[in-house]
């Protein structure tokens, strides 16, 4: 059974990137299945820290992008919107080049919160970061605006 209220469309996801940090960092949505969504990001000058390694903050941007988009596709957007509440990350291994890929899966999909597990790995498949994102699901007011 699928977790999606509205099935993700990769083309639509790419259209939402324009003029955002997702576009700036070249985060690309790659695939989804019934219970996960995957995206990748380059490990290059845009995402390096001064020692030439993938910046932990860039890893968190990829993780939060994945979890936020996953929540967005799990809710009825005519009644709710979603915002990040808390994100954490354990950086396991440094990456210097290539692309880092994140796979996002739900831990909890409740009425008012979603919790996501996001696993990042390098091109060799070895884990580089484990992140968890908590998202608030907030009702829209009667005018369709955030309450």
Protein backbone atom coordinates (compact mmCIF):
# COMPACT_ATOMS: atom_id res chain seq x y z
CA UNK A 1 0.00 0.00 0.00
CA UNK A 2 1.32 3.42 -0.98
CA UNK A 3 1.98 6.20 1.57
CA UNK A 4 1.25 8.92 -0.99
CA UNK A 5 -1.92 11.00 -0.93
CA UNK A 6 -0.80 12.29 -4.32
CA UNK A 7 1.79 10.22 -6.15
CA UNK A 8 5.04 12.15 -6.73
CA UNK A 9 5.75 13.18 -10.29
CA UNK A 10 9.48 13.58 -10.97
CA UNK A 11 8.92 16.24 -13.65
CA UNK A 12 6.72 18.26 -11.28
CA UNK A 13 9.29 17.92 -8.50
CA UNK A 14 11.98 19.31 -10.78
CA UNK A 15 9.77 22.29 -11.67
CA UNK A 16 9.56 23.27 -7.97
CA UNK A 17 13.36 23.70 -7.84
CA UNK A 18 13.59 26.98 -9.76
CA UNK A 19 15.17 29.83 -7.74
CA UNK A 20 15.50 27.73 -4.57
CA UNK A 21 18.37 26.17 -2.64
CA UNK A 22 17.39 22.89 -4.31
CA UNK A 23 18.21 24.44 -7.68
CA UNK A 24 21.37 26.15 -6.39
CA UNK A 25 22.74 22.84 -5.05
CA UNK A 26 21.51 20.82 -8.07
CA UNK A 27 19.41 18.46 -5.97
CA UNK A 28 17.74 16.04 -8.37
CA UNK A 29 14.77 13.86 -7.52
CA UNK A 30 15.50 10.47 -9.01
CA UNK A 31 12.84 7.96 -8.08
CA UNK A 32 10.07 6.95 -5.74
CA UNK A 33 8.18 3.80 -4.87
CA UNK A 34 5.21 3.07 -2.61
CA UNK A 35 7.09 4.04 0.55
CA UNK A 36 10.20 6.05 -0.33
CA UNK A 37 11.58 8.89 -2.39
CA UNK A 38 15.18 9.30 -3.59
CA UNK A 39 17.21 12.36 -4.60
CA UNK A 40 20.88 13.14 -5.14
CA UNK A 41 23.21 16.13 -4.96
CA UNK A 42 26.74 16.75 -6.26
CA UNK A 43 29.72 16.72 -3.96
CA UNK A 44 31.68 19.65 -5.43
CA UNK A 45 32.65 23.25 -4.70
CA UNK A 46 28.99 24.17 -4.06
CA UNK A 47 28.65 21.62 -1.28
CA UNK A 48 32.21 21.40 0.13
CA UNK A 49 33.42 22.72 3.45
CA UNK A 50 36.92 24.32 3.55
CA UNK A 51 38.73 20.96 3.78
CA UNK A 52 37.20 19.71 0.54
CA UNK A 53 34.68 17.38 2.19
CA UNK A 54 30.89 17.39 1.82
CA UNK A 55 29.59 20.04 4.22
CA UNK A 56 27.33 18.65 6.94
CA UNK A 57 24.88 21.49 6.34
CA UNK A 58 24.60 20.52 2.68
CA UNK A 59 23.78 16.96 3.75
CA UNK A 60 21.04 18.36 5.99
CA UNK A 61 19.66 20.43 3.10
CA UNK A 62 19.36 17.25 1.02
CA UNK A 63 17.73 15.39 3.93
CA UNK A 64 15.24 18.16 4.72
CA UNK A 65 14.40 18.60 1.04
CA UNK A 66 13.57 14.91 0.76
CA UNK A 67 11.51 14.75 3.95
CA UNK A 68 9.62 17.97 3.24
CA UNK A 69 8.69 16.89 -0.27
CA UNK A 70 7.70 13.46 1.01
CA UNK A 71 5.36 15.03 3.60
CA UNK A 72 3.91 17.37 0.99
CA UNK A 73 2.95 14.37 -1.13
CA UNK A 74 1.40 12.56 1.86
CA UNK A 75 -1.09 15.31 2.78
CA UNK A 76 -4.22 16.81 1.27
CA UNK A 77 -2.77 20.21 0.28
CA UNK A 78 -6.25 21.71 -0.03
CA UNK A 79 -6.61 21.29 3.77
CA UNK A 80 -3.06 21.24 5.17
CA UNK A 81 0.49 22.47 4.70
CA UNK A 82 3.68 21.12 6.20
CA UNK A 83 6.71 22.73 7.82
CA UNK A 84 9.88 21.30 9.32
CA UNK A 85 10.00 21.16 13.12
CA UNK A 86 13.31 19.45 13.83
CA UNK A 87 16.13 17.91 11.84
CA UNK A 88 19.19 16.06 13.07
CA UNK A 89 22.04 14.34 11.34
CA UNK A 90 24.83 11.95 12.20
CA UNK A 91 27.71 12.35 9.77
CA UNK A 92 29.34 8.95 9.37
CA UNK A 93 31.87 9.29 6.57
CA UNK A 94 33.32 12.13 4.54
CA UNK A 95 32.81 12.45 0.79
CA UNK A 96 35.03 14.48 -1.54
CA UNK A 97 33.45 14.04 -4.98
CA UNK A 98 30.72 12.40 -7.01
CA UNK A 99 27.08 12.51 -5.99
CA UNK A 100 25.53 11.82 -2.61
CA UNK A 101 22.16 10.04 -2.74
CA UNK A 102 19.45 10.20 -0.11
CA UNK A 103 16.62 7.73 0.40
CA UNK A 104 13.72 8.96 2.54
CA UNK A 105 11.30 6.59 4.30
CA UNK A 106 8.58 7.25 6.88
CA UNK A 107 9.00 6.39 10.53
CA UNK A 108 5.65 7.90 11.55
CA UNK A 109 2.83 9.41 9.48
CA UNK A 110 0.41 10.90 12.00
CA UNK A 111 -2.36 13.50 11.79
CA UNK A 112 -0.22 16.37 13.06
CA UNK A 113 3.37 15.17 12.58
CA UNK A 114 5.43 13.10 10.19
CA UNK A 115 8.84 11.67 11.08
CA UNK A 116 11.21 10.68 8.27
CA UNK A 117 14.39 8.59 8.19
CA UNK A 118 16.78 9.80 5.50
CA UNK A 119 19.89 7.74 4.66
CA UNK A 120 22.62 9.37 2.57
CA UNK A 121 25.35 7.43 0.81
CA UNK A 122 28.15 8.02 -1.66
CA UNK A 123 28.41 6.51 -5.12
CA UNK A 124 30.01 3.41 -3.57
CA UNK A 125 26.80 2.77 -1.59
CA UNK A 126 28.51 3.25 1.78
CA UNK A 127 26.54 5.37 4.29
CA UNK A 128 27.74 8.93 4.80
CA UNK A 129 24.92 10.41 6.91
CA UNK A 130 21.79 9.33 8.75
CA UNK A 131 19.20 12.03 9.33
CA UNK A 132 15.77 12.28 10.92
CA UNK A 133 13.26 15.02 10.09
CA UNK A 134 10.10 15.85 12.01
CA UNK A 135 7.47 17.77 10.03
CA UNK A 136 4.38 19.54 11.42
CA UNK A 137 1.14 19.06 9.51
CA UNK A 138 -0.82 22.30 9.93
CA UNK A 139 -4.41 23.00 8.85
CA UNK A 140 -5.11 25.82 6.41
CA UNK A 141 -7.62 28.44 7.54
CA UNK A 142 -11.02 28.86 5.87
CA UNK A 143 -9.46 31.13 3.24
CA UNK A 144 -6.88 28.49 2.33
CA UNK A 145 -4.03 30.30 4.08
CA UNK A 146 -1.70 28.94 6.76
CA UNK A 147 -3.45 29.35 10.11
